[in-house]
Amino acid sequence: MEGGGRCGCGSMSSHEHHGCGQMSSHGQCGEGHHSHSVTSMYKRAYMDALYQAQVERVRKRIDAKFGTTLDKMADAVVDSFGKMWQSKMAKMEARQDLEAKLRMILSETSKL
């Protein structure tokens, strides 16, 4: 790549590389950088797939062993959070009602 040479992947630059993303310490593409990049990508994909397979298996076992308990816990959470949400909505409506009444009182006072 010195003097505007061409990299193995076809890029033409002495200071930066636009195709493979790899440069040696002299601003040149490293040997075998394409295969290293592809290998690294597939290694990450393999490890991710292995992790997902493990998660799936553990999830099945947790569900088999604790499913009923987890269902009861989920029901309790949904019930309680539903009540809390309804309470917040009632509080908001009461606040809006108060604000409407205060606006009404102030508008009547300003007419005097």
C-alpha atoms as a PDB file:
ATOM      1  CA  MET A   1       0.000   0.000   0.000  1.00  0.00           C
ATOM      2  CA  GLU A   2       3.017   2.294   0.199  1.00  0.00           C
ATOM      3  CA  GLY A   3       2.843   4.919  -2.549  1.00  0.00           C
ATOM      4  CA  GLY A   4      -0.835   4.318  -3.296  1.00  0.00           C
ATOM      5  CA  GLY A   5      -0.630   0.547  -3.702  1.00  0.00           C
ATOM      6  CA  ARG A   6      -3.642  -1.697  -3.631  1.00  0.00           C
ATOM      7  CA  CYS A   7      -4.650  -3.746  -0.583  1.00  0.00           C
ATOM      8  CA  GLY A   8      -5.530  -7.404  -0.930  1.00  0.00           C
ATOM      9  CA  CYS A   9      -9.218  -6.538  -0.680  1.00  0.00           C
ATOM     10  CA  GLY A  10      -9.011  -3.882  -3.379  1.00  0.00           C
ATOM     11  CA  SER A  11      -8.852  -0.650  -1.360  1.00  0.00           C
ATOM     12  CA  MET A  12      -6.496   2.094  -2.490  1.00  0.00           C
ATOM     13  CA  SER A  13      -5.213   4.139   0.448  1.00  0.00           C
ATOM     14  CA  SER A  14      -1.940   4.482   2.288  1.00  0.00           C
ATOM     15  CA  HIS A  15      -3.426   5.695   5.567  1.00  0.00           C
ATOM     16  CA  GLU A  16      -6.854   4.232   5.996  1.00  0.00           C
ATOM     17  CA  HIS A  17      -8.593   1.143   4.813  1.00  0.00           C
ATOM     18  CA  HIS A  18     -12.148   1.262   3.520  1.00  0.00           C
ATOM     19  CA  GLY A  19     -13.017  -2.346   2.813  1.00  0.00           C
ATOM     20  CA  CYS A  20     -11.852  -4.795   5.396  1.00  0.00           C
ATOM     21  CA  GLY A  21     -11.281  -2.459   8.330  1.00  0.00           C
ATOM     22  CA  GLN A  22      -7.847  -3.957   9.035  1.00  0.00           C
ATOM     23  CA  MET A  23      -4.457  -2.196   8.820  1.00  0.00           C
ATOM     24  CA  SER A  24      -0.964  -3.186   9.822  1.00  0.00           C
ATOM     25  CA  SER A  25       1.269  -0.823  11.793  1.00  0.00           C
ATOM     26  CA  HIS A  26       2.416   0.708   8.478  1.00  0.00           C
ATOM     27  CA  GLY A  27      -1.115   1.479   7.279  1.00  0.00           C
ATOM     28  CA  GLN A  28      -1.343  -1.684   5.194  1.00  0.00           C
ATOM     29  CA  CYS A  29      -3.882  -4.437   5.384  1.00  0.00           C
ATOM     30  CA  GLY A  30      -2.756  -7.457   7.349  1.00  0.00           C
ATOM     31  CA  GLU A  31      -2.373 -10.816   5.681  1.00  0.00           C
ATOM     32  CA  GLY A  32      -5.452 -13.014   6.058  1.00  0.00           C
ATOM     33  CA  HIS A  33      -7.595 -10.291   7.554  1.00  0.00           C
ATOM     34  CA  HIS A  34     -10.683 -11.422   5.606  1.00  0.00           C
ATOM     35  CA  SER A  35     -10.595 -14.954   6.945  1.00  0.00           C
ATOM     36  CA  HIS A  36      -9.918 -13.676  10.454  1.00  0.00           C
ATOM     37  CA  SER A  37     -12.920 -11.339  10.259  1.00  0.00           C
ATOM     38  CA  VAL A  38     -15.224 -14.072   8.940  1.00  0.00           C
ATOM     39  CA  THR A  39     -13.954 -16.578  11.492  1.00  0.00           C
ATOM     40  CA  SER A  40     -14.488 -14.066  14.289  1.00  0.00           C
ATOM     41  CA  MET A  41     -18.022 -13.347  13.074  1.00  0.00           C
ATOM     42  CA  TYR A  42     -18.944 -17.031  12.981  1.00  0.00           C
ATOM     43  CA  LYS A  43     -17.337 -17.646  16.358  1.00  0.00           C
ATOM     44  CA  ARG A  44     -19.529 -14.914  17.881  1.00  0.00           C
ATOM     45  CA  ALA A  45     -22.602 -16.350  16.133  1.00  0.00           C
ATOM     46  CA  TYR A  46     -21.754 -19.846  17.380  1.00  0.00           C
ATOM     47  CA  MET A  47     -21.278 -18.664  20.959  1.00  0.00           C
ATOM     48  CA  ASP A  48     -24.509 -16.672  20.826  1.00  0.00           C
ATOM     49  CA  ALA A  49     -26.445 -19.661  19.470  1.00  0.00           C
ATOM     50  CA  LEU A  50     -24.910 -21.914  22.143  1.00  0.00           C
ATOM     51  CA  TYR A  51     -25.916 -19.427  24.826  1.00  0.00           C
ATOM     52  CA  GLN A  52     -29.472 -19.217  23.467  1.00  0.00           C
ATOM     53  CA  ALA A  53     -29.706 -23.034  23.403  1.00  0.00           C
ATOM     54  CA  GLN A  54     -28.577 -23.132  27.039  1.00  0.00           C
ATOM     55  CA  VAL A  55     -31.101 -20.451  28.018  1.00  0.00           C
ATOM     56  CA  GLU A  56     -33.881 -22.396  26.287  1.00  0.00           C
ATOM     57  CA  ARG A  57     -33.015 -25.599  28.117  1.00  0.00           C
ATOM     58  CA  VAL A  58     -32.752 -23.901  31.507  1.00  0.00           C
ATOM     59  CA  ARG A  59     -36.022 -22.063  30.862  1.00  0.00           C
ATOM     60  CA  LYS A  60     -37.799 -25.382  30.199  1.00  0.00           C
ATOM     61  CA  ARG A  61     -36.477 -26.873  33.416  1.00  0.00           C
ATOM     62  CA  ILE A  62     -37.386 -23.825  35.474  1.00  0.00           C
ATOM     63  CA  ASP A  63     -40.885 -23.871  34.011  1.00  0.00           C
ATOM     64  CA  ALA A  64     -41.260 -27.598  34.736  1.00  0.00           C
ATOM     65  CA  LYS A  65     -40.052 -27.244  38.320  1.00  0.00           C
ATOM     66  CA  PHE A  66     -41.411 -23.842  39.325  1.00  0.00           C
ATOM     67  CA  GLY A  67     -44.059 -23.081  36.685  1.00  0.00           C
ATOM     68  CA  THR A  68     -47.056 -23.206  39.016  1.00  0.00           C
ATOM     69  CA  THR A  69     -45.324 -21.014  41.586  1.00  0.00           C
ATOM     70  CA  LEU A  70     -44.182 -18.564  38.913  1.00  0.00           C
ATOM     71  CA  ASP A  71     -47.735 -18.411  37.538  1.00  0.00           C
ATOM     72  CA  LYS A  72     -49.099 -17.584  41.006  1.00  0.00           C
ATOM     73  CA  MET A  73     -46.419 -14.931  41.478  1.00  0.00           C
ATOM     74  CA  ALA A  74     -47.197 -13.402  38.066  1.00  0.00           C
ATOM     75  CA  ASP A  75     -50.910 -13.342  38.935  1.00  0.00           C
ATOM     76  CA  ALA A  76     -50.153 -11.581  42.236  1.00  0.00           C
ATOM     77  CA  VAL A  77     -47.953  -8.995  40.502  1.00  0.00           C
ATOM     78  CA  VAL A  78     -50.535  -8.288  37.788  1.00  0.00           C
ATOM     79  CA  ASP A  79     -53.323  -8.012  40.358  1.00  0.00           C
ATOM     80  CA  SER A  80     -51.368  -5.681  42.638  1.00  0.00           C
ATOM     81  CA  PHE A  81     -49.972  -3.501  39.861  1.00  0.00           C
ATOM     82  CA  GLY A  82     -53.468  -3.286  38.360  1.00  0.00           C
ATOM     83  CA  LYS A  83     -54.822  -2.001  41.668  1.00  0.00           C
ATOM     84  CA  MET A  84     -51.955   0.491  41.955  1.00  0.00           C
ATOM     85  CA  TRP A  85     -52.622   1.725  38.421  1.00  0.00           C
ATOM     86  CA  GLN A  86     -56.341   2.118  39.125  1.00  0.00           C
ATOM     87  CA  SER A  87     -55.498   4.025  42.293  1.00  0.00           C
ATOM     88  CA  LYS A  88     -53.192   6.381  40.370  1.00  0.00           C
ATOM     89  CA  MET A  89     -55.894   6.938  37.763  1.00  0.00           C
ATOM     90  CA  ALA A  90     -58.457   7.756  40.486  1.00  0.00           C
ATOM     91  CA  LYS A  91     -55.962  10.150  42.088  1.00  0.00           C
ATOM     92  CA  MET A  92     -55.342  11.839  38.737  1.00  0.00           C
ATOM     93  CA  GLU A  93     -59.083  12.176  38.089  1.00  0.00           C
ATOM     94  CA  ALA A  94     -59.608  13.674  41.560  1.00  0.00           C
ATOM     95  CA  ARG A  95     -56.821  16.185  40.927  1.00  0.00           C
ATOM     96  CA  GLN A  96     -58.305  17.122  37.543  1.00  0.00           C
ATOM     97  CA  ASP A  97     -61.747  17.498  39.158  1.00  0.00           C
ATOM     98  CA  LEU A  98     -60.289  19.816  41.817  1.00  0.00           C
ATOM     99  CA  GLU A  99     -58.506  21.907  39.188  1.00  0.00           C
ATOM    100  CA  ALA A 100     -61.734  22.216  37.176  1.00  0.00           C
ATOM    101  CA  LYS A 101     -63.649  23.334  40.296  1.00  0.00           C
ATOM    102  CA  LEU A 102     -60.970  25.888  41.173  1.00  0.00           C
ATOM    103  CA  ARG A 103     -61.020  27.277  37.629  1.00  0.00           C
ATOM    104  CA  MET A 104     -64.815  27.573  37.861  1.00  0.00           C
ATOM    105  CA  ILE A 105     -64.593  29.439  41.197  1.00  0.00           C
ATOM    106  CA  LEU A 106     -61.913  31.799  39.861  1.00  0.00           C
ATOM    107  CA  SER A 107     -63.862  32.514  36.678  1.00  0.00           C
ATOM    108  CA  GLU A 108     -66.995  33.342  38.748  1.00  0.00           C
ATOM    109  CA  THR A 109     -64.951  35.630  40.999  1.00  0.00           C
ATOM    110  CA  SER A 110     -63.485  37.508  38.049  1.00  0.00           C
ATOM    111  CA  LYS A 111     -67.013  38.285  36.778  1.00  0.00           C
ATOM    112  CA  LEU A 112     -67.830  40.252  39.942  1.00  0.00           C
END
